[in-house]
PDB file of N, CA and C in Angstrom:
ATOM      1  N   MET A   1     -36.152 -10.678 -67.068  1.00  0.00           N
ATOM      2  CA  MET A   1     -35.157 -10.768 -68.119  1.00  0.00           C
ATOM      3  C   MET A   1     -33.874 -10.125 -67.622  1.00  0.00           C
ATOM      4  N   ASP A   2     -32.781 -10.793 -67.830  1.00  0.00           N
ATOM      5  CA  ASP A   2     -31.470 -10.301 -67.441  1.00  0.00           C
ATOM      6  C   ASP A   2     -30.927  -9.456 -68.591  1.00  0.00           C
ATOM      7  N   THR A   3     -31.061  -8.127 -68.479  1.00  0.00           N
ATOM      8  CA  THR A   3     -30.664  -7.249 -69.581  1.00  0.00           C
ATOM      9  C   THR A   3     -29.163  -7.279 -69.834  1.00  0.00           C
ATOM     10  N   LEU A   4     -28.377  -7.477 -68.779  1.00  0.00           N
ATOM     11  CA  LEU A   4     -26.927  -7.543 -68.981  1.00  0.00           C
ATOM     12  C   LEU A   4     -26.553  -8.778 -69.793  1.00  0.00           C
ATOM     13  N   ARG A   5     -27.157  -9.919 -69.464  1.00  0.00           N
ATOM     14  CA  ARG A   5     -26.869 -11.145 -70.214  1.00  0.00           C
ATOM     15  C   ARG A   5     -27.319 -10.985 -71.674  1.00  0.00           C
ATOM     16  N   LEU A   6     -28.481 -10.411 -71.895  1.00  0.00           N
ATOM     17  CA  LEU A   6     -28.958 -10.186 -73.252  1.00  0.00           C
ATOM     18  C   LEU A   6     -28.008  -9.253 -74.001  1.00  0.00           C
ATOM     19  N   GLY A   7     -27.570  -8.192 -73.335  1.00  0.00           N
ATOM     20  CA  GLY A   7     -26.635  -7.264 -73.962  1.00  0.00           C
ATOM     21  C   GLY A   7     -25.332  -7.934 -74.351  1.00  0.00           C
ATOM     22  N   ARG A   8     -24.838  -8.797 -73.480  1.00  0.00           N
ATOM     23  CA  ARG A   8     -23.600  -9.526 -73.793  1.00  0.00           C
ATOM     24  C   ARG A   8     -23.806 -10.459 -74.979  1.00  0.00           C
ATOM     25  N   GLN A   9     -24.981 -11.078 -75.056  1.00  0.00           N
ATOM     26  CA  GLN A   9     -25.275 -11.963 -76.186  1.00  0.00           C
ATOM     27  C   GLN A   9     -25.303 -11.166 -77.489  1.00  0.00           C
ATOM     28  N   VAL A  10     -25.930 -10.006 -77.471  1.00  0.00           N
ATOM     29  CA  VAL A  10     -25.976  -9.164 -78.678  1.00  0.00           C
ATOM     30  C   VAL A  10     -24.567  -8.727 -79.064  1.00  0.00           C
ATOM     31  N   ALA A  11     -23.766  -8.316 -78.078  1.00  0.00           N
ATOM     32  CA  ALA A  11     -22.400  -7.866 -78.361  1.00  0.00           C
ATOM     33  C   ALA A  11     -21.572  -9.004 -78.959  1.00  0.00           C
ATOM     34  N   ALA A  12     -21.698 -10.193 -78.399  1.00  0.00           N
ATOM     35  CA  ALA A  12     -20.937 -11.338 -78.916  1.00  0.00           C
ATOM     36  C   ALA A  12     -21.373 -11.672 -80.338  1.00  0.00           C
ATOM     37  N   ALA A  13     -22.681 -11.668 -80.592  1.00  0.00           N
ATOM     38  CA  ALA A  13     -23.187 -11.965 -81.938  1.00  0.00           C
ATOM     39  C   ALA A  13     -22.722 -10.900 -82.933  1.00  0.00           C
ATOM     40  N   ARG A  14     -22.709  -9.641 -82.493  1.00  0.00           N
ATOM     41  CA  ARG A  14     -22.257  -8.550 -83.371  1.00  0.00           C
ATOM     42  C   ARG A  14     -20.798  -8.742 -83.742  1.00  0.00           C
ATOM     43  N   ARG A  15     -19.962  -9.037 -82.746  1.00  0.00           N
ATOM     44  CA  ARG A  15     -18.531  -9.241 -83.023  1.00  0.00           C
ATOM     45  C   ARG A  15     -18.311 -10.447 -83.925  1.00  0.00           C
ATOM     46  N   GLU A  16     -19.048 -11.545 -83.657  1.00  0.00           N
ATOM     47  CA  GLU A  16     -18.921 -12.738 -84.501  1.00  0.00           C
ATOM     48  C   GLU A  16     -19.351 -12.453 -85.936  1.00  0.00           C
ATOM     49  N   SER A  17     -20.259 -11.501 -86.088  1.00  0.00           N
ATOM     50  CA  SER A  17     -20.706 -11.122 -87.432  1.00  0.00           C
ATOM     51  C   SER A  17     -19.738 -10.163 -88.102  1.00  0.00           C
ATOM     52  N   GLY A  18     -18.738  -9.708 -87.354  1.00  0.00           N
ATOM     53  CA  GLY A  18     -17.752  -8.796 -87.906  1.00  0.00           C
ATOM     54  C   GLY A  18     -18.271  -7.380 -88.092  1.00  0.00           C
ATOM     55  N   LEU A  19     -19.263  -6.992 -87.271  1.00  0.00           N
ATOM     56  CA  LEU A  19     -19.871  -5.675 -87.413  1.00  0.00           C
ATOM     57  C   LEU A  19     -19.477  -4.767 -86.254  1.00  0.00           C
ATOM     58  N   THR A  20     -19.356  -3.489 -86.542  1.00  0.00           N
ATOM     59  CA  THR A  20     -19.183  -2.502 -85.482  1.00  0.00           C
ATOM     60  C   THR A  20     -20.568  -2.100 -85.001  1.00  0.00           C
ATOM     61  N   GLN A  21     -20.627  -1.401 -83.887  1.00  0.00           N
ATOM     62  CA  GLN A  21     -21.913  -0.902 -83.404  1.00  0.00           C
ATOM     63  C   GLN A  21     -22.546   0.045 -84.426  1.00  0.00           C
ATOM     64  N   VAL A  22     -21.718   0.863 -85.059  1.00  0.00           N
ATOM     65  CA  VAL A  22     -22.228   1.829 -86.043  1.00  0.00           C
ATOM     66  C   VAL A  22     -22.851   1.101 -87.237  1.00  0.00           C
ATOM     67  N   VAL A  23     -22.155   0.102 -87.760  1.00  0.00           N
ATOM     68  CA  VAL A  23     -22.661  -0.628 -88.930  1.00  0.00           C
ATOM     69  C   VAL A  23     -23.918  -1.411 -88.559  1.00  0.00           C
ATOM     70  N   LEU A  24     -23.915  -2.079 -87.399  1.00  0.00           N
ATOM     71  CA  LEU A  24     -25.104  -2.819 -86.978  1.00  0.00           C
ATOM     72  C   LEU A  24     -26.290  -1.881 -86.822  1.00  0.00           C
ATOM     73  N   ALA A  25     -26.074  -0.729 -86.204  1.00  0.00           N
ATOM     74  CA  ALA A  25     -27.157   0.243 -86.020  1.00  0.00           C
ATOM     75  C   ALA A  25     -27.739   0.660 -87.363  1.00  0.00           C
ATOM     76  N   ALA A  26     -26.871   0.951 -88.320  1.00  0.00           N
ATOM     77  CA  ALA A  26     -27.351   1.373 -89.646  1.00  0.00           C
ATOM     78  C   ALA A  26     -28.150   0.262 -90.317  1.00  0.00           C
ATOM     79  N   LYS A  27     -27.657  -0.973 -90.240  1.00  0.00           N
ATOM     80  CA  LYS A  27     -28.351  -2.103 -90.870  1.00  0.00           C
ATOM     81  C   LYS A  27     -29.687  -2.395 -90.196  1.00  0.00           C
ATOM     82  N   ALA A  28     -29.789  -2.103 -88.879  1.00  0.00           N
ATOM     83  CA  ALA A  28     -31.013  -2.406 -88.133  1.00  0.00           C
ATOM     84  C   ALA A  28     -31.948  -1.209 -88.026  1.00  0.00           C
ATOM     85  N   GLY A  29     -31.540  -0.084 -88.582  1.00  0.00           N
ATOM     86  CA  GLY A  29     -32.414   1.092 -88.564  1.00  0.00           C
ATOM     87  C   GLY A  29     -32.510   1.765 -87.203  1.00  0.00           C
ATOM     88  N   THR A  30     -31.386   1.819 -86.500  1.00  0.00           N
ATOM     89  CA  THR A  30     -31.363   2.500 -85.207  1.00  0.00           C
ATOM     90  C   THR A  30     -30.072   3.295 -85.112  1.00  0.00           C
ATOM     91  N   THR A  31     -29.664   3.681 -83.919  1.00  0.00           N
ATOM     92  CA  THR A  31     -28.452   4.481 -83.756  1.00  0.00           C
ATOM     93  C   THR A  31     -27.417   3.727 -82.928  1.00  0.00           C
ATOM     94  N   GLN A  32     -26.169   4.143 -83.047  1.00  0.00           N
ATOM     95  CA  GLN A  32     -25.089   3.508 -82.290  1.00  0.00           C
ATOM     96  C   GLN A  32     -25.299   3.635 -80.784  1.00  0.00           C
ATOM     97  N   PRO A  33     -25.754   4.789 -80.260  1.00  0.00           N
ATOM     98  CA  PRO A  33     -25.981   4.856 -78.807  1.00  0.00           C
ATOM     99  C   PRO A  33     -27.021   3.839 -78.309  1.00  0.00           C
ATOM    100  N   VAL A  34     -28.018   3.535 -79.135  1.00  0.00           N
ATOM    101  CA  VAL A  34     -29.004   2.519 -78.749  1.00  0.00           C
ATOM    102  C   VAL A  34     -28.322   1.166 -78.615  1.00  0.00           C
ATOM    103  N   ILE A  35     -27.459   0.832 -79.575  1.00  0.00           N
ATOM    104  CA  ILE A  35     -26.729  -0.437 -79.530  1.00  0.00           C
ATOM    105  C   ILE A  35     -25.821  -0.467 -78.302  1.00  0.00           C
ATOM    106  N   SER A  36     -25.135   0.625 -78.027  1.00  0.00           N
ATOM    107  CA  SER A  36     -24.240   0.705 -76.879  1.00  0.00           C
ATOM    108  C   SER A  36     -24.999   0.480 -75.574  1.00  0.00           C
ATOM    109  N   ARG A  37     -26.122   1.155 -75.389  1.00  0.00           N
ATOM    110  CA  ARG A  37     -26.917   0.993 -74.164  1.00  0.00           C
ATOM    111  C   ARG A  37     -27.451  -0.429 -74.034  1.00  0.00           C
ATOM    112  N   LEU A  38     -27.877  -1.004 -75.161  1.00  0.00           N
ATOM    113  CA  LEU A  38     -28.388  -2.376 -75.145  1.00  0.00           C
ATOM    114  C   LEU A  38     -27.284  -3.349 -74.737  1.00  0.00           C
ATOM    115  N   GLU A  39     -26.105  -3.228 -75.348  1.00  0.00           N
ATOM    116  CA  GLU A  39     -24.996  -4.129 -75.048  1.00  0.00           C
ATOM    117  C   GLU A  39     -24.505  -3.973 -73.609  1.00  0.00           C
ATOM    118  N   ALA A  40     -24.681  -2.786 -73.029  1.00  0.00           N
ATOM    119  CA  ALA A  40     -24.270  -2.555 -71.646  1.00  0.00           C
ATOM    120  C   ALA A  40     -25.334  -3.016 -70.651  1.00  0.00           C
ATOM    121  N   GLY A  41     -26.495  -3.442 -71.157  1.00  0.00           N
ATOM    122  CA  GLY A  41     -27.559  -3.914 -70.285  1.00  0.00           C
ATOM    123  C   GLY A  41     -28.330  -2.803 -69.610  1.00  0.00           C
ATOM    124  N   ARG A  42     -28.254  -1.583 -70.155  1.00  0.00           N
ATOM    125  CA  ARG A  42     -28.921  -0.444 -69.526  1.00  0.00           C
ATOM    126  C   ARG A  42     -30.335  -0.213 -70.027  1.00  0.00           C
ATOM    127  N   VAL A  43     -30.755  -0.941 -71.054  1.00  0.00           N
ATOM    128  CA  VAL A  43     -32.119  -0.777 -71.580  1.00  0.00           C
ATOM    129  C   VAL A  43     -32.750  -2.143 -71.800  1.00  0.00           C
ATOM    130  N   VAL A  44     -34.059  -2.160 -71.810  1.00  0.00           N
ATOM    131  CA  VAL A  44     -34.800  -3.375 -72.148  1.00  0.00           C
ATOM    132  C   VAL A  44     -35.327  -3.166 -73.571  1.00  0.00           C
ATOM    133  N   PRO A  45     -34.739  -3.863 -74.547  1.00  0.00           N
ATOM    134  CA  PRO A  45     -35.162  -3.660 -75.933  1.00  0.00           C
ATOM    135  C   PRO A  45     -36.495  -4.337 -76.197  1.00  0.00           C
ATOM    136  N   ASP A  46     -37.243  -3.797 -77.160  1.00  0.00           N
ATOM    137  CA  ASP A  46     -38.483  -4.482 -77.526  1.00  0.00           C
ATOM    138  C   ASP A  46     -38.162  -5.594 -78.526  1.00  0.00           C
ATOM    139  N   LEU A  47     -39.121  -6.470 -78.726  1.00  0.00           N
ATOM    140  CA  LEU A  47     -38.896  -7.623 -79.606  1.00  0.00           C
ATOM    141  C   LEU A  47     -38.645  -7.206 -81.045  1.00  0.00           C
ATOM    142  N   ALA A  48     -39.268  -6.118 -81.481  1.00  0.00           N
ATOM    143  CA  ALA A  48     -39.060  -5.655 -82.859  1.00  0.00           C
ATOM    144  C   ALA A  48     -37.590  -5.280 -83.081  1.00  0.00           C
ATOM    145  N   LEU A  49     -36.984  -4.595 -82.113  1.00  0.00           N
ATOM    146  CA  LEU A  49     -35.569  -4.219 -82.245  1.00  0.00           C
ATOM    147  C   LEU A  49     -34.686  -5.467 -82.238  1.00  0.00           C
ATOM    148  N   LEU A  50     -34.962  -6.398 -81.330  1.00  0.00           N
ATOM    149  CA  LEU A  50     -34.159  -7.626 -81.296  1.00  0.00           C
ATOM    150  C   LEU A  50     -34.261  -8.386 -82.618  1.00  0.00           C
ATOM    151  N   ASP A  51     -35.446  -8.415 -83.195  1.00  0.00           N
ATOM    152  CA  ASP A  51     -35.620  -9.094 -84.486  1.00  0.00           C
ATOM    153  C   ASP A  51     -34.810  -8.392 -85.574  1.00  0.00           C
ATOM    154  N   ARG A  52     -34.855  -7.058 -85.597  1.00  0.00           N
ATOM    155  CA  ARG A  52     -34.086  -6.320 -86.606  1.00  0.00           C
ATOM    156  C   ARG A  52     -32.586  -6.556 -86.429  1.00  0.00           C
ATOM    157  N   LEU A  53     -32.126  -6.605 -85.176  1.00  0.00           N
ATOM    158  CA  LEU A  53     -30.706  -6.844 -84.922  1.00  0.00           C
ATOM    159  C   LEU A  53     -30.295  -8.236 -85.390  1.00  0.00           C
ATOM    160  N   ALA A  54     -31.108  -9.237 -85.058  1.00  0.00           N
ATOM    161  CA  ALA A  54     -30.787 -10.608 -85.465  1.00  0.00           C
ATOM    162  C   ALA A  54     -30.725 -10.715 -86.982  1.00  0.00           C
ATOM    163  N   ARG A  55     -31.665 -10.090 -87.651  1.00  0.00           N
ATOM    164  CA  ARG A  55     -31.684 -10.124 -89.126  1.00  0.00           C
ATOM    165  C   ARG A  55     -30.473  -9.376 -89.694  1.00  0.00           C
ATOM    166  N   ALA A  56     -30.109  -8.251 -89.085  1.00  0.00           N
ATOM    167  CA  ALA A  56     -28.960  -7.481 -89.566  1.00  0.00           C
ATOM    168  C   ALA A  56     -27.655  -8.255 -89.381  1.00  0.00           C
ATOM    169  N   MET A  57     -27.581  -9.056 -88.300  1.00  0.00           N
ATOM    170  CA  MET A  57     -26.377  -9.847 -88.033  1.00  0.00           C
ATOM    171  C   MET A  57     -26.419 -11.199 -88.745  1.00  0.00           C
ATOM    172  N   GLU A  58     -27.581 -11.519 -89.309  1.00  0.00           N
ATOM    173  CA  GLU A  58     -27.806 -12.791 -89.998  1.00  0.00           C
ATOM    174  C   GLU A  58     -27.522 -13.982 -89.090  1.00  0.00           C
ATOM    175  N   ARG A  59     -28.001 -13.873 -87.854  1.00  0.00           N
ATOM    176  CA  ARG A  59     -27.880 -14.966 -86.887  1.00  0.00           C
ATOM    177  C   ARG A  59     -28.985 -14.817 -85.849  1.00  0.00           C
ATOM    178  N   PRO A  60     -29.436 -15.932 -85.296  1.00  0.00           N
ATOM    179  CA  PRO A  60     -30.524 -15.859 -84.319  1.00  0.00           C
ATOM    180  C   PRO A  60     -30.054 -15.352 -82.959  1.00  0.00           C
ATOM    181  N   LEU A  61     -30.976 -14.735 -82.243  1.00  0.00           N
ATOM    182  CA  LEU A  61     -30.762 -14.373 -80.845  1.00  0.00           C
ATOM    183  C   LEU A  61     -31.758 -15.197 -80.031  1.00  0.00           C
ATOM    184  N   PHE A  62     -31.326 -15.697 -78.907  1.00  0.00           N
ATOM    185  CA  PHE A  62     -32.196 -16.522 -78.075  1.00  0.00           C
ATOM    186  C   PHE A  62     -32.524 -15.783 -76.791  1.00  0.00           C
ATOM    187  N   LEU A  63     -33.805 -15.707 -76.479  1.00  0.00           N
ATOM    188  CA  LEU A  63     -34.283 -15.010 -75.299  1.00  0.00           C
ATOM    189  C   LEU A  63     -35.034 -16.008 -74.438  1.00  0.00           C
ATOM    190  N   VAL A  64     -34.583 -16.165 -73.196  1.00  0.00           N
ATOM    191  CA  VAL A  64     -35.233 -17.090 -72.270  1.00  0.00           C
ATOM    192  C   VAL A  64     -35.876 -16.260 -71.169  1.00  0.00           C
ATOM    193  N   LEU A  65     -37.162 -16.461 -70.982  1.00  0.00           N
ATOM    194  CA  LEU A  65     -37.894 -15.731 -69.954  1.00  0.00           C
ATOM    195  C   LEU A  65     -38.296 -16.684 -68.837  1.00  0.00           C
ATOM    196  N   GLY A  66     -38.261 -16.202 -67.622  1.00  0.00           N
ATOM    197  CA  GLY A  66     -38.739 -16.970 -66.490  1.00  0.00           C
ATOM    198  C   GLY A  66     -37.790 -18.011 -65.943  1.00  0.00           C
ATOM    199  N   ALA A  67     -36.611 -18.120 -66.500  1.00  0.00           N
ATOM    200  CA  ALA A  67     -35.657 -19.115 -66.011  1.00  0.00           C
ATOM    201  C   ALA A  67     -35.002 -18.610 -64.732  1.00  0.00           C
ATOM    202  N   VAL A  68     -34.900 -19.473 -63.761  1.00  0.00           N
ATOM    203  CA  VAL A  68     -34.227 -19.137 -62.520  1.00  0.00           C
ATOM    204  C   VAL A  68     -32.906 -19.899 -62.505  1.00  0.00           C
ATOM    205  N   GLU A  69     -31.842 -19.150 -62.472  1.00  0.00           N
ATOM    206  CA  GLU A  69     -30.529 -19.765 -62.498  1.00  0.00           C
ATOM    207  C   GLU A  69     -29.979 -19.857 -61.085  1.00  0.00           C
ATOM    208  N   PRO A  70     -29.364 -20.979 -60.737  1.00  0.00           N
ATOM    209  CA  PRO A  70     -28.802 -21.109 -59.400  1.00  0.00           C
ATOM    210  C   PRO A  70     -27.658 -20.119 -59.193  1.00  0.00           C
ATOM    211  N   VAL A  71     -27.541 -19.635 -57.973  1.00  0.00           N
ATOM    212  CA  VAL A  71     -26.476 -18.704 -57.623  1.00  0.00           C
ATOM    213  C   VAL A  71     -25.393 -19.495 -56.900  1.00  0.00           C
ATOM    214  N   THR A  72     -24.163 -19.367 -57.375  1.00  0.00           N
ATOM    215  CA  THR A  72     -23.052 -20.081 -56.740  1.00  0.00           C
ATOM    216  C   THR A  72     -22.758 -19.460 -55.376  1.00  0.00           C
ATOM    217  N   GLU A  73     -22.089 -20.216 -54.539  1.00  0.00           N
ATOM    218  CA  GLU A  73     -21.720 -19.721 -53.214  1.00  0.00           C
ATOM    219  C   GLU A  73     -20.819 -18.493 -53.332  1.00  0.00           C
ATOM    220  N   ASP A  74     -19.902 -18.493 -54.305  1.00  0.00           N
ATOM    221  CA  ASP A  74     -19.022 -17.331 -54.508  1.00  0.00           C
ATOM    222  C   ASP A  74     -19.824 -16.098 -54.919  1.00  0.00           C
ATOM    223  N   GLU A  75     -20.814 -16.278 -55.807  1.00  0.00           N
ATOM    224  CA  GLU A  75     -21.644 -15.148 -56.237  1.00  0.00           C
ATOM    225  C   GLU A  75     -22.485 -14.637 -55.077  1.00  0.00           C
ATOM    226  N   ARG A  76     -23.033 -15.532 -54.284  1.00  0.00           N
ATOM    227  CA  ARG A  76     -23.832 -15.135 -53.117  1.00  0.00           C
ATOM    228  C   ARG A  76     -22.973 -14.317 -52.151  1.00  0.00           C
ATOM    229  N   ARG A  77     -21.751 -14.805 -51.877  1.00  0.00           N
ATOM    230  CA  ARG A  77     -20.844 -14.100 -50.979  1.00  0.00           C
ATOM    231  C   ARG A  77     -20.495 -12.720 -51.535  1.00  0.00           C
ATOM    232  N   SER A  78     -20.243 -12.656 -52.847  1.00  0.00           N
ATOM    233  CA  SER A  78     -19.918 -11.381 -53.487  1.00  0.00           C
ATOM    234  C   SER A  78     -21.072 -10.392 -53.373  1.00  0.00           C
ATOM    235  N   ARG A  79     -22.287 -10.861 -53.570  1.00  0.00           N
ATOM    236  CA  ARG A  79     -23.462  -9.980 -53.454  1.00  0.00           C
ATOM    237  C   ARG A  79     -23.622  -9.459 -52.030  1.00  0.00           C
ATOM    238  N   ILE A  80     -23.431 -10.338 -51.053  1.00  0.00           N
ATOM    239  CA  ILE A  80     -23.555  -9.930 -49.655  1.00  0.00           C
ATOM    240  C   ILE A  80     -22.491  -8.899 -49.310  1.00  0.00           C
ATOM    241  N   GLU A  81     -21.247  -9.139 -49.741  1.00  0.00           N
ATOM    242  CA  GLU A  81     -20.178  -8.188 -49.456  1.00  0.00           C
ATOM    243  C   GLU A  81     -20.430  -6.838 -50.105  1.00  0.00           C
ATOM    244  N   ARG A  82     -20.985  -6.828 -51.324  1.00  0.00           N
ATOM    245  CA  ARG A  82     -21.305  -5.550 -51.979  1.00  0.00           C
ATOM    246  C   ARG A  82     -22.382  -4.810 -51.196  1.00  0.00           C
ATOM    247  N   PHE A  83     -23.284  -5.541 -50.569  1.00  0.00           N
ATOM    248  CA  PHE A  83     -24.404  -4.919 -49.873  1.00  0.00           C
ATOM    249  C   PHE A  83     -24.034  -4.472 -48.462  1.00  0.00           C
ATOM    250  N   ILE A  84     -23.393  -5.346 -47.681  1.00  0.00           N
ATOM    251  CA  ILE A  84     -23.136  -5.020 -46.281  1.00  0.00           C
ATOM    252  C   ILE A  84     -21.667  -4.831 -45.942  1.00  0.00           C
ATOM    253  N   GLY A  85     -20.786  -5.065 -46.888  1.00  0.00           N
ATOM    254  CA  GLY A  85     -19.359  -4.912 -46.624  1.00  0.00           C
ATOM    255  C   GLY A  85     -18.735  -6.218 -46.168  1.00  0.00           C
ATOM    256  N   THR A  86     -17.489  -6.139 -45.737  1.00  0.00           N
ATOM    257  CA  THR A  86     -16.746  -7.350 -45.403  1.00  0.00           C
ATOM    258  C   THR A  86     -16.578  -7.563 -43.903  1.00  0.00           C
ATOM    259  N   GLU A  87     -17.138  -6.686 -43.081  1.00  0.00           N
ATOM    260  CA  GLU A  87     -17.002  -6.840 -41.635  1.00  0.00           C
ATOM    261  C   GLU A  87     -17.717  -8.104 -41.169  1.00  0.00           C
ATOM    262  N   VAL A  88     -17.064  -8.853 -40.304  1.00  0.00           N
ATOM    263  CA  VAL A  88     -17.628 -10.089 -39.781  1.00  0.00           C
ATOM    264  C   VAL A  88     -18.447  -9.768 -38.526  1.00  0.00           C
ATOM    265  N   PHE A  89     -19.683 -10.262 -38.488  1.00  0.00           N
ATOM    266  CA  PHE A  89     -20.556 -10.030 -37.340  1.00  0.00           C
ATOM    267  C   PHE A  89     -20.133 -10.918 -36.180  1.00  0.00           C
ATOM    268  N   ASP A  90     -19.951 -10.316 -35.024  1.00  0.00           N
ATOM    269  CA  ASP A  90     -19.613 -11.055 -33.810  1.00  0.00           C
ATOM    270  C   ASP A  90     -20.754 -10.847 -32.820  1.00  0.00           C
ATOM    271  N   PRO A  91     -21.593 -11.865 -32.610  1.00  0.00           N
ATOM    272  CA  PRO A  91     -22.748 -11.696 -31.723  1.00  0.00           C
ATOM    273  C   PRO A  91     -22.355 -11.444 -30.273  1.00  0.00           C
ATOM    274  N   TRP A  92     -21.118 -11.769 -29.919  1.00  0.00           N
ATOM    275  CA  TRP A  92     -20.687 -11.558 -28.544  1.00  0.00           C
ATOM    276  C   TRP A  92     -20.379 -10.092 -28.266  1.00  0.00           C
ATOM    277  N   LYS A  93     -20.129  -9.297 -29.298  1.00  0.00           N
ATOM    278  CA  LYS A  93     -19.808  -7.876 -29.107  1.00  0.00           C
ATOM    279  C   LYS A  93     -20.986  -7.093 -28.534  1.00  0.00           C
ATOM    280  N   ARG A  94     -22.180  -7.553 -28.780  1.00  0.00           N
ATOM    281  CA  ARG A  94     -23.345  -6.803 -28.322  1.00  0.00           C
ATOM    282  C   ARG A  94     -23.833  -7.246 -26.946  1.00  0.00           C
ATOM    283  N   ARG A  95     -23.040  -8.056 -26.277  1.00  0.00           N
ATOM    284  CA  ARG A  95     -23.327  -8.504 -24.922  1.00  0.00           C
ATOM    285  C   ARG A  95     -24.694  -9.179 -24.846  1.00  0.00           C
ATOM    286  N   PRO A  96     -24.781 -10.401 -25.353  1.00  0.00           N
ATOM    287  CA  PRO A  96     -26.067 -11.104 -25.380  1.00  0.00           C
ATOM    288  C   PRO A  96     -26.585 -11.407 -23.973  1.00  0.00           C
ATOM    289  N   THR A  97     -27.899 -11.576 -23.883  1.00  0.00           N
ATOM    290  CA  THR A  97     -28.496 -11.972 -22.604  1.00  0.00           C
ATOM    291  C   THR A  97     -28.026 -13.381 -22.272  1.00  0.00           C
ATOM    292  N   ARG A  98     -28.316 -13.808 -21.060  1.00  0.00           N
ATOM    293  CA  ARG A  98     -27.912 -15.149 -20.645  1.00  0.00           C
ATOM    294  C   ARG A  98     -28.523 -16.206 -21.568  1.00  0.00           C
ATOM    295  N   ALA A  99     -29.808 -16.065 -21.900  1.00  0.00           N
ATOM    296  CA  ALA A  99     -30.476 -17.037 -22.778  1.00  0.00           C
ATOM    297  C   ALA A  99     -29.847 -17.031 -24.176  1.00  0.00           C
ATOM    298  N   GLU A 100     -29.537 -15.830 -24.705  1.00  0.00           N
ATOM    299  CA  GLU A 100     -28.905 -15.745 -26.022  1.00  0.00           C
ATOM    300  C   GLU A 100     -27.512 -16.381 -26.002  1.00  0.00           C
ATOM    301  N   ALA A 101     -26.767 -16.142 -24.910  1.00  0.00           N
ATOM    302  CA  ALA A 101     -25.427 -16.712 -24.792  1.00  0.00           C
ATOM    303  C   ALA A 101     -25.497 -18.238 -24.749  1.00  0.00           C
ATOM    304  N   GLU A 102     -26.472 -18.769 -24.030  1.00  0.00           N
ATOM    305  CA  GLU A 102     -26.635 -20.222 -23.985  1.00  0.00           C
ATOM    306  C   GLU A 102     -26.958 -20.773 -25.373  1.00  0.00           C
ATOM    307  N   GLY A 103     -27.807 -20.065 -26.106  1.00  0.00           N
ATOM    308  CA  GLY A 103     -28.147 -20.480 -27.470  1.00  0.00           C
ATOM    309  C   GLY A 103     -26.942 -20.441 -28.390  1.00  0.00           C
ATOM    310  N   LEU A 104     -26.127 -19.397 -28.263  1.00  0.00           N
ATOM    311  CA  LEU A 104     -24.913 -19.293 -29.079  1.00  0.00           C
ATOM    312  C   LEU A 104     -23.964 -20.447 -28.778  1.00  0.00           C
ATOM    313  N   ARG A 105     -23.762 -20.719 -27.492  1.00  0.00           N
ATOM    314  CA  ARG A 105     -22.869 -21.822 -27.114  1.00  0.00           C
ATOM    315  C   ARG A 105     -23.420 -23.162 -27.593  1.00  0.00           C
ATOM    316  N   ALA A 106     -24.751 -23.332 -27.499  1.00  0.00           N
ATOM    317  CA  ALA A 106     -25.372 -24.577 -27.966  1.00  0.00           C
ATOM    318  C   ALA A 106     -25.169 -24.762 -29.469  1.00  0.00           C
ATOM    319  N   ASP A 107     -25.079 -23.636 -30.217  1.00  0.00           N
ATOM    320  CA  ASP A 107     -24.838 -23.697 -31.661  1.00  0.00           C
ATOM    321  C   ASP A 107     -23.354 -23.774 -31.996  1.00  0.00           C
ATOM    322  N   GLY A 108     -22.504 -23.847 -30.961  1.00  0.00           N
ATOM    323  CA  GLY A 108     -21.075 -23.969 -31.194  1.00  0.00           C
ATOM    324  C   GLY A 108     -20.378 -22.656 -31.462  1.00  0.00           C
ATOM    325  N   ILE A 109     -21.019 -21.542 -31.121  1.00  0.00           N
ATOM    326  CA  ILE A 109     -20.421 -20.224 -31.341  1.00  0.00           C
ATOM    327  C   ILE A 109     -19.875 -19.733 -30.009  1.00  0.00           C
ATOM    328  N   GLN A 110     -18.560 -19.727 -29.898  1.00  0.00           N
ATOM    329  CA  GLN A 110     -17.909 -19.370 -28.660  1.00  0.00           C
ATOM    330  C   GLN A 110     -17.389 -17.937 -28.740  1.00  0.00           C
ATOM    331  N   PRO A 111     -17.281 -17.269 -27.579  1.00  0.00           N
ATOM    332  CA  PRO A 111     -16.703 -15.910 -27.586  1.00  0.00           C
ATOM    333  C   PRO A 111     -15.255 -15.966 -28.063  1.00  0.00           C
ATOM    334  N   ARG A 112     -14.849 -14.942 -28.772  1.00  0.00           N
ATOM    335  CA  ARG A 112     -13.472 -14.860 -29.222  1.00  0.00           C
ATOM    336  C   ARG A 112     -12.599 -14.379 -28.085  1.00  0.00           C
ATOM    337  N   ALA A 113     -11.417 -14.912 -28.001  1.00  0.00           N
ATOM    338  CA  ALA A 113     -10.500 -14.544 -26.901  1.00  0.00           C
ATOM    339  C   ALA A 113      -9.852 -13.213 -27.127  1.00  0.00           C
TER     340      ALA A 113
END
């Protein structure tokens, strides 16, 4: 379950209902910090809480489990950059063996001038 996506859905439904976090919390029998953490995607709410929130907002919440969403090329690149940084790997910098150099050239990867 994508807790951030669920939190954003709850936040959007709350705003569309014209409720503040404090008012929603009171109507659902919880506290404002719980609503804040949920909307920020920092907690995994139980189904009972989600049901109380939906009833308090008088609108349904939809929860999809097990769905695999495709990752765009831009998102993939962003994730890689967050993990390893933006430095470009140059296989020629590590002085490849003769066999490795032949493989690189066969793949169209030439040494930089």
